[in-house]
Amino acid sequence: MYYIYILKSLKSGKFYIGWSTDLRKRLREYNSSQSLATKSGIPWELEFYASFKTKKLAKGFELYLKSGSGKAFAYKRLLP
């Protein structure tokens, strides 16, 4: 399975969108400073995730969520 996720920084309140095949491992990596892109926002918590059968579907949804209309959808429908 492929997972798309939205993380929230408890430090800054910012969101981060990504994908992984091992969601728990990826979250541990983020919170242990193993990712330079998210190091400044530690600690991170999982706000939303969805699973997909194929990498193509997962990457497509990730790209959508990172677009302008995808962000609007996420803020309206997926995030508190």
PDB file of N, CA and C in Angstrom:
ATOM      1  N   MET A   1       0.835  -1.192   0.000  1.00  0.00           N
ATOM      2  CA  MET A   1       0.000   0.000   0.000  1.00  0.00           C
ATOM      3  C   MET A   1       0.873   1.246   0.000  1.00  0.00           C
ATOM      4  N   TYR A   2       0.312   2.295  -0.541  1.00  0.00           N
ATOM      5  CA  TYR A   2       0.971   3.600  -0.580  1.00  0.00           C
ATOM      6  C   TYR A   2       0.103   4.577   0.203  1.00  0.00           C
ATOM      7  N   TYR A   3       0.731   5.360   1.032  1.00  0.00           N
ATOM      8  CA  TYR A   3       0.001   6.281   1.906  1.00  0.00           C
ATOM      9  C   TYR A   3       0.331   7.729   1.583  1.00  0.00           C
ATOM     10  N   ILE A   4      -0.707   8.529   1.515  1.00  0.00           N
ATOM     11  CA  ILE A   4      -0.574   9.979   1.428  1.00  0.00           C
ATOM     12  C   ILE A   4      -0.924  10.491   2.806  1.00  0.00           C
ATOM     13  N   TYR A   5      -0.151  11.450   3.292  1.00  0.00           N
ATOM     14  CA  TYR A   5      -0.395  11.932   4.652  1.00  0.00           C
ATOM     15  C   TYR A   5      -0.234  13.437   4.728  1.00  0.00           C
ATOM     16  N   ILE A   6      -0.891  13.990   5.739  1.00  0.00           N
ATOM     17  CA  ILE A   6      -0.733  15.397   6.074  1.00  0.00           C
ATOM     18  C   ILE A   6      -0.301  15.448   7.531  1.00  0.00           C
ATOM     19  N   LEU A   7       0.842  16.050   7.761  1.00  0.00           N
ATOM     20  CA  LEU A   7       1.367  16.221   9.111  1.00  0.00           C
ATOM     21  C   LEU A   7       1.184  17.663   9.546  1.00  0.00           C
ATOM     22  N   LYS A   8       1.068  17.873  10.843  1.00  0.00           N
ATOM     23  CA  LYS A   8       0.998  19.213  11.394  1.00  0.00           C
ATOM     24  C   LYS A   8       2.132  19.391  12.391  1.00  0.00           C
ATOM     25  N   SER A   9       2.847  20.499  12.247  1.00  0.00           N
ATOM     26  CA  SER A   9       3.914  20.821  13.185  1.00  0.00           C
ATOM     27  C   SER A   9       3.295  21.386  14.454  1.00  0.00           C
ATOM     28  N   LEU A  10       3.597  20.763  15.572  1.00  0.00           N
ATOM     29  CA  LEU A  10       3.105  21.284  16.847  1.00  0.00           C
ATOM     30  C   LEU A  10       3.866  22.539  17.254  1.00  0.00           C
ATOM     31  N   LYS A  11       5.002  22.758  16.635  1.00  0.00           N
ATOM     32  CA  LYS A  11       5.823  23.930  16.927  1.00  0.00           C
ATOM     33  C   LYS A  11       5.325  25.166  16.183  1.00  0.00           C
ATOM     34  N   SER A  12       5.081  25.016  14.877  1.00  0.00           N
ATOM     35  CA  SER A  12       4.725  26.181  14.059  1.00  0.00           C
ATOM     36  C   SER A  12       3.277  26.196  13.587  1.00  0.00           C
ATOM     37  N   GLY A  13       2.610  25.048  13.653  1.00  0.00           N
ATOM     38  CA  GLY A  13       1.239  24.968  13.164  1.00  0.00           C
ATOM     39  C   GLY A  13       1.143  24.749  11.660  1.00  0.00           C
ATOM     40  N   LYS A  14       2.280  24.632  10.974  1.00  0.00           N
ATOM     41  CA  LYS A  14       2.286  24.434   9.530  1.00  0.00           C
ATOM     42  C   LYS A  14       2.000  22.976   9.193  1.00  0.00           C
ATOM     43  N   PHE A  15       1.544  22.766   7.947  1.00  0.00           N
ATOM     44  CA  PHE A  15       1.231  21.434   7.463  1.00  0.00           C
ATOM     45  C   PHE A  15       2.278  20.976   6.459  1.00  0.00           C
ATOM     46  N   TYR A  16       2.451  19.656   6.372  1.00  0.00           N
ATOM     47  CA  TYR A  16       3.378  19.047   5.420  1.00  0.00           C
ATOM     48  C   TYR A  16       2.670  17.864   4.770  1.00  0.00           C
ATOM     49  N   ILE A  17       2.735  17.793   3.448  1.00  0.00           N
ATOM     50  CA  ILE A  17       2.081  16.731   2.691  1.00  0.00           C
ATOM     51  C   ILE A  17       3.153  15.835   2.086  1.00  0.00           C
ATOM     52  N   GLY A  18       2.979  14.526   2.192  1.00  0.00           N
ATOM     53  CA  GLY A  18       3.940  13.598   1.621  1.00  0.00           C
ATOM     54  C   GLY A  18       3.326  12.242   1.366  1.00  0.00           C
ATOM     55  N   TRP A  19       4.163  11.292   0.933  1.00  0.00           N
ATOM     56  CA  TRP A  19       3.709   9.926   0.697  1.00  0.00           C
ATOM     57  C   TRP A  19       4.773   8.946   1.174  1.00  0.00           C
ATOM     58  N   SER A  20       4.338   7.729   1.466  1.00  0.00           N
ATOM     59  CA  SER A  20       5.254   6.703   1.958  1.00  0.00           C
ATOM     60  C   SER A  20       4.606   5.330   1.821  1.00  0.00           C
ATOM     61  N   THR A  21       5.428   4.289   1.861  1.00  0.00           N
ATOM     62  CA  THR A  21       4.899   2.926   1.916  1.00  0.00           C
ATOM     63  C   THR A  21       4.871   2.425   3.356  1.00  0.00           C
ATOM     64  N   ASP A  22       5.528   3.136   4.247  1.00  0.00           N
ATOM     65  CA  ASP A  22       5.550   2.783   5.674  1.00  0.00           C
ATOM     66  C   ASP A  22       5.329   4.056   6.489  1.00  0.00           C
ATOM     67  N   LEU A  23       4.080   4.336   6.758  1.00  0.00           N
ATOM     68  CA  LEU A  23       3.698   5.601   7.390  1.00  0.00           C
ATOM     69  C   LEU A  23       4.268   5.763   8.795  1.00  0.00           C
ATOM     70  N   ARG A  24       4.226   4.736   9.598  1.00  0.00           N
ATOM     71  CA  ARG A  24       4.745   4.831  10.973  1.00  0.00           C
ATOM     72  C   ARG A  24       6.251   5.111  10.977  1.00  0.00           C
ATOM     73  N   LYS A  25       6.979   4.403  10.130  1.00  0.00           N
ATOM     74  CA  LYS A  25       8.422   4.610  10.043  1.00  0.00           C
ATOM     75  C   LYS A  25       8.730   6.034   9.584  1.00  0.00           C
ATOM     76  N   ARG A  26       7.976   6.510   8.602  1.00  0.00           N
ATOM     77  CA  ARG A  26       8.223   7.856   8.078  1.00  0.00           C
ATOM     78  C   ARG A  26       7.977   8.908   9.146  1.00  0.00           C
ATOM     79  N   LEU A  27       6.932   8.773   9.934  1.00  0.00           N
ATOM     80  CA  LEU A  27       6.637   9.732  10.997  1.00  0.00           C
ATOM     81  C   LEU A  27       7.748   9.731  12.043  1.00  0.00           C
ATOM     82  N   ARG A  28       8.253   8.534  12.377  1.00  0.00           N
ATOM     83  CA  ARG A  28       9.385   8.454  13.316  1.00  0.00           C
ATOM     84  C   ARG A  28      10.610   9.171  12.747  1.00  0.00           C
ATOM     85  N   GLU A  29      10.850   9.026  11.439  1.00  0.00           N
ATOM     86  CA  GLU A  29      11.989   9.702  10.807  1.00  0.00           C
ATOM     87  C   GLU A  29      11.848  11.216  10.901  1.00  0.00           C
ATOM     88  N   TYR A  30      10.656  11.713  10.648  1.00  0.00           N
ATOM     89  CA  TYR A  30      10.427  13.163  10.741  1.00  0.00           C
ATOM     90  C   TYR A  30      10.693  13.667  12.157  1.00  0.00           C
ATOM     91  N   ASN A  31      10.200  12.947  13.139  1.00  0.00           N
ATOM     92  CA  ASN A  31      10.316  13.408  14.519  1.00  0.00           C
ATOM     93  C   ASN A  31      11.681  13.136  15.149  1.00  0.00           C
ATOM     94  N   SER A  32      12.553  12.439  14.431  1.00  0.00           N
ATOM     95  CA  SER A  32      13.910  12.214  14.940  1.00  0.00           C
ATOM     96  C   SER A  32      14.953  12.952  14.102  1.00  0.00           C
ATOM     97  N   SER A  33      14.537  14.006  13.439  1.00  0.00           N
ATOM     98  CA  SER A  33      15.417  14.900  12.676  1.00  0.00           C
ATOM     99  C   SER A  33      16.128  14.240  11.497  1.00  0.00           C
ATOM    100  N   GLN A  34      15.568  13.175  10.944  1.00  0.00           N
ATOM    101  CA  GLN A  34      16.203  12.508   9.816  1.00  0.00           C
ATOM    102  C   GLN A  34      15.814  13.113   8.477  1.00  0.00           C
ATOM    103  N   SER A  35      14.903  14.065   8.464  1.00  0.00           N
ATOM    104  CA  SER A  35      14.485  14.725   7.234  1.00  0.00           C
ATOM    105  C   SER A  35      14.781  16.223   7.352  1.00  0.00           C
ATOM    106  N   LEU A  36      15.644  16.715   6.492  1.00  0.00           N
ATOM    107  CA  LEU A  36      16.010  18.133   6.533  1.00  0.00           C
ATOM    108  C   LEU A  36      14.821  19.045   6.233  1.00  0.00           C
ATOM    109  N   ALA A  37      13.929  18.583   5.370  1.00  0.00           N
ATOM    110  CA  ALA A  37      12.791  19.411   4.976  1.00  0.00           C
ATOM    111  C   ALA A  37      11.836  19.707   6.129  1.00  0.00           C
ATOM    112  N   THR A  38      11.793  18.832   7.116  1.00  0.00           N
ATOM    113  CA  THR A  38      10.834  19.004   8.211  1.00  0.00           C
ATOM    114  C   THR A  38      11.490  19.160   9.575  1.00  0.00           C
ATOM    115  N   LYS A  39      12.795  19.236   9.603  1.00  0.00           N
ATOM    116  CA  LYS A  39      13.528  19.286  10.867  1.00  0.00           C
ATOM    117  C   LYS A  39      13.114  20.468  11.746  1.00  0.00           C
ATOM    118  N   SER A  40      12.861  21.614  11.128  1.00  0.00           N
ATOM    119  CA  SER A  40      12.541  22.815  11.903  1.00  0.00           C
ATOM    120  C   SER A  40      11.144  22.787  12.532  1.00  0.00           C
ATOM    121  N   GLY A  41      10.295  21.850  12.111  1.00  0.00           N
ATOM    122  CA  GLY A  41       8.929  21.806  12.629  1.00  0.00           C
ATOM    123  C   GLY A  41       8.677  20.769  13.695  1.00  0.00           C
ATOM    124  N   ILE A  42       9.697  20.068  14.140  1.00  0.00           N
ATOM    125  CA  ILE A  42       9.537  19.005  15.137  1.00  0.00           C
ATOM    126  C   ILE A  42       8.918  19.559  16.410  1.00  0.00           C
ATOM    127  N   PRO A  43       7.977  18.924  17.003  1.00  0.00           N
ATOM    128  CA  PRO A  43       7.401  17.613  16.700  1.00  0.00           C
ATOM    129  C   PRO A  43       6.253  17.718  15.691  1.00  0.00           C
ATOM    130  N   TRP A  44       6.055  16.621  14.953  1.00  0.00           N
ATOM    131  CA  TRP A  44       4.990  16.509  13.959  1.00  0.00           C
ATOM    132  C   TRP A  44       3.961  15.506  14.446  1.00  0.00           C
ATOM    133  N   GLU A  45       2.689  15.767  14.098  1.00  0.00           N
ATOM    134  CA  GLU A  45       1.639  14.792  14.386  1.00  0.00           C
ATOM    135  C   GLU A  45       0.835  14.551  13.115  1.00  0.00           C
ATOM    136  N   LEU A  46       0.315  13.352  13.004  1.00  0.00           N
ATOM    137  CA  LEU A  46      -0.460  12.960  11.840  1.00  0.00           C
ATOM    138  C   LEU A  46      -1.862  13.557  11.931  1.00  0.00           C
ATOM    139  N   GLU A  47      -2.248  14.307  10.909  1.00  0.00           N
ATOM    140  CA  GLU A  47      -3.590  14.912  10.864  1.00  0.00           C
ATOM    141  C   GLU A  47      -4.526  14.125   9.955  1.00  0.00           C
ATOM    142  N   PHE A  48      -3.986  13.564   8.860  1.00  0.00           N
ATOM    143  CA  PHE A  48      -4.806  12.854   7.882  1.00  0.00           C
ATOM    144  C   PHE A  48      -3.932  11.878   7.116  1.00  0.00           C
ATOM    145  N   TYR A  49      -4.511  10.738   6.743  1.00  0.00           N
ATOM    146  CA  TYR A  49      -3.839   9.857   5.800  1.00  0.00           C
ATOM    147  C   TYR A  49      -4.875   9.090   4.989  1.00  0.00           C
ATOM    148  N   ALA A  50      -4.447   8.656   3.802  1.00  0.00           N
ATOM    149  CA  ALA A  50      -5.278   7.829   2.927  1.00  0.00           C
ATOM    150  C   ALA A  50      -4.373   6.792   2.293  1.00  0.00           C
ATOM    151  N   SER A  51      -4.920   5.619   2.025  1.00  0.00           N
ATOM    152  CA  SER A  51      -4.119   4.566   1.407  1.00  0.00           C
ATOM    153  C   SER A  51      -4.578   4.332  -0.030  1.00  0.00           C
ATOM    154  N   PHE A  52      -3.618   3.944  -0.866  1.00  0.00           N
ATOM    155  CA  PHE A  52      -3.862   3.687  -2.273  1.00  0.00           C
ATOM    156  C   PHE A  52      -3.176   2.391  -2.673  1.00  0.00           C
ATOM    157  N   LYS A  53      -3.749   1.697  -3.639  1.00  0.00           N
ATOM    158  CA  LYS A  53      -3.173   0.434  -4.089  1.00  0.00           C
ATOM    159  C   LYS A  53      -1.958   0.625  -4.979  1.00  0.00           C
ATOM    160  N   THR A  54      -1.913   1.720  -5.714  1.00  0.00           N
ATOM    161  CA  THR A  54      -0.797   1.922  -6.638  1.00  0.00           C
ATOM    162  C   THR A  54      -0.055   3.223  -6.331  1.00  0.00           C
ATOM    163  N   LYS A  55       1.209   3.220  -6.676  1.00  0.00           N
ATOM    164  CA  LYS A  55       2.039   4.407  -6.489  1.00  0.00           C
ATOM    165  C   LYS A  55       1.539   5.560  -7.362  1.00  0.00           C
ATOM    166  N   LYS A  56       1.068   5.228  -8.554  1.00  0.00           N
ATOM    167  CA  LYS A  56       0.574   6.257  -9.477  1.00  0.00           C
ATOM    168  C   LYS A  56      -0.616   7.014  -8.874  1.00  0.00           C
ATOM    169  N   LEU A  57      -1.545   6.286  -8.284  1.00  0.00           N
ATOM    170  CA  LEU A  57      -2.707   6.942  -7.653  1.00  0.00           C
ATOM    171  C   LEU A  57      -2.279   7.792  -6.463  1.00  0.00           C
ATOM    172  N   ALA A  58      -1.378   7.261  -5.657  1.00  0.00           N
ATOM    173  CA  ALA A  58      -0.915   7.987  -4.472  1.00  0.00           C
ATOM    174  C   ALA A  58      -0.198   9.274  -4.868  1.00  0.00           C
ATOM    175  N   LYS A  59       0.719   9.172  -5.823  1.00  0.00           N
ATOM    176  CA  LYS A  59       1.467  10.356  -6.261  1.00  0.00           C
ATOM    177  C   LYS A  59       0.539  11.379  -6.908  1.00  0.00           C
ATOM    178  N   GLY A  60      -0.462  10.908  -7.625  1.00  0.00           N
ATOM    179  CA  GLY A  60      -1.432  11.820  -8.229  1.00  0.00           C
ATOM    180  C   GLY A  60      -2.206  12.599  -7.188  1.00  0.00           C
ATOM    181  N   PHE A  61      -2.638  11.911  -6.128  1.00  0.00           N
ATOM    182  CA  PHE A  61      -3.374  12.590  -5.066  1.00  0.00           C
ATOM    183  C   PHE A  61      -2.466  13.537  -4.292  1.00  0.00           C
ATOM    184  N   GLU A  62      -1.214  13.140  -4.085  1.00  0.00           N
ATOM    185  CA  GLU A  62      -0.259  14.018  -3.411  1.00  0.00           C
ATOM    186  C   GLU A  62      -0.067  15.307  -4.208  1.00  0.00           C
ATOM    187  N   LEU A  63       0.127  15.180  -5.511  1.00  0.00           N
ATOM    188  CA  LEU A  63       0.300  16.367  -6.357  1.00  0.00           C
ATOM    189  C   LEU A  63      -0.939  17.255  -6.311  1.00  0.00           C
ATOM    190  N   TYR A  64      -2.116  16.636  -6.309  1.00  0.00           N
ATOM    191  CA  TYR A  64      -3.356  17.398  -6.208  1.00  0.00           C
ATOM    192  C   TYR A  64      -3.413  18.174  -4.893  1.00  0.00           C
ATOM    193  N   LEU A  65      -3.099  17.503  -3.772  1.00  0.00           N
ATOM    194  CA  LEU A  65      -3.152  18.182  -2.475  1.00  0.00           C
ATOM    195  C   LEU A  65      -2.152  19.332  -2.376  1.00  0.00           C
ATOM    196  N   LYS A  66      -1.080  19.258  -3.137  1.00  0.00           N
ATOM    197  CA  LYS A  66      -0.075  20.324  -3.119  1.00  0.00           C
ATOM    198  C   LYS A  66      -0.429  21.467  -4.071  1.00  0.00           C
ATOM    199  N   SER A  67      -1.477  21.298  -4.879  1.00  0.00           N
ATOM    200  CA  SER A  67      -1.913  22.353  -5.793  1.00  0.00           C
ATOM    201  C   SER A  67      -2.822  23.333  -5.051  1.00  0.00           C
ATOM    202  N   GLY A  68      -3.124  24.427  -5.661  1.00  0.00           N
ATOM    203  CA  GLY A  68      -3.987  25.435  -5.045  1.00  0.00           C
ATOM    204  C   GLY A  68      -5.366  24.907  -4.705  1.00  0.00           C
ATOM    205  N   SER A  69      -6.020  24.254  -5.667  1.00  0.00           N
ATOM    206  CA  SER A  69      -7.362  23.728  -5.399  1.00  0.00           C
ATOM    207  C   SER A  69      -7.308  22.545  -4.440  1.00  0.00           C
ATOM    208  N   GLY A  70      -6.212  21.773  -4.469  1.00  0.00           N
ATOM    209  CA  GLY A  70      -6.052  20.660  -3.543  1.00  0.00           C
ATOM    210  C   GLY A  70      -5.878  21.133  -2.116  1.00  0.00           C
ATOM    211  N   LYS A  71      -5.132  22.220  -1.939  1.00  0.00           N
ATOM    212  CA  LYS A  71      -4.967  22.781  -0.593  1.00  0.00           C
ATOM    213  C   LYS A  71      -6.298  23.286  -0.062  1.00  0.00           C
ATOM    214  N   ALA A  72      -7.078  23.941  -0.938  1.00  0.00           N
ATOM    215  CA  ALA A  72      -8.396  24.427  -0.521  1.00  0.00           C
ATOM    216  C   ALA A  72      -9.282  23.254  -0.110  1.00  0.00           C
ATOM    217  N   PHE A  73      -9.247  22.168  -0.887  1.00  0.00           N
ATOM    218  CA  PHE A  73     -10.011  20.969  -0.552  1.00  0.00           C
ATOM    219  C   PHE A  73      -9.568  20.400   0.796  1.00  0.00           C
ATOM    220  N   ALA A  74      -8.262  20.300   1.000  1.00  0.00           N
ATOM    221  CA  ALA A  74      -7.731  19.744   2.247  1.00  0.00           C
ATOM    222  C   ALA A  74      -8.166  20.571   3.450  1.00  0.00           C
ATOM    223  N   TYR A  75      -8.051  21.885   3.358  1.00  0.00           N
ATOM    224  CA  TYR A  75      -8.428  22.738   4.486  1.00  0.00           C
ATOM    225  C   TYR A  75      -9.938  22.668   4.760  1.00  0.00           C
ATOM    226  N   LYS A  76     -10.726  22.497   3.702  1.00  0.00           N
ATOM    227  CA  LYS A  76     -12.190  22.463   3.874  1.00  0.00           C
ATOM    228  C   LYS A  76     -12.693  21.094   4.325  1.00  0.00           C
ATOM    229  N   ARG A  77     -12.094  20.010   3.804  1.00  0.00           N
ATOM    230  CA  ARG A  77     -12.653  18.680   4.011  1.00  0.00           C
ATOM    231  C   ARG A  77     -11.824  17.724   4.861  1.00  0.00           C
ATOM    232  N   LEU A  78     -10.503  17.901   4.917  1.00  0.00           N
ATOM    233  CA  LEU A  78      -9.651  16.905   5.559  1.00  0.00           C
ATOM    234  C   LEU A  78      -9.053  17.335   6.891  1.00  0.00           C
ATOM    235  N   LEU A  79      -8.923  18.627   7.091  1.00  0.00           N
ATOM    236  CA  LEU A  79      -8.240  19.126   8.287  1.00  0.00           C
ATOM    237  C   LEU A  79      -9.214  19.811   9.230  1.00  0.00           C
ATOM    238  N   PRO A  80      -8.947  19.729  10.541  1.00  0.00           N
ATOM    239  CA  PRO A  80      -9.865  20.346  11.504  1.00  0.00           C
ATOM    240  C   PRO A  80      -9.804  21.864  11.454  1.00  0.00           C
TER     241      PRO A  80
END
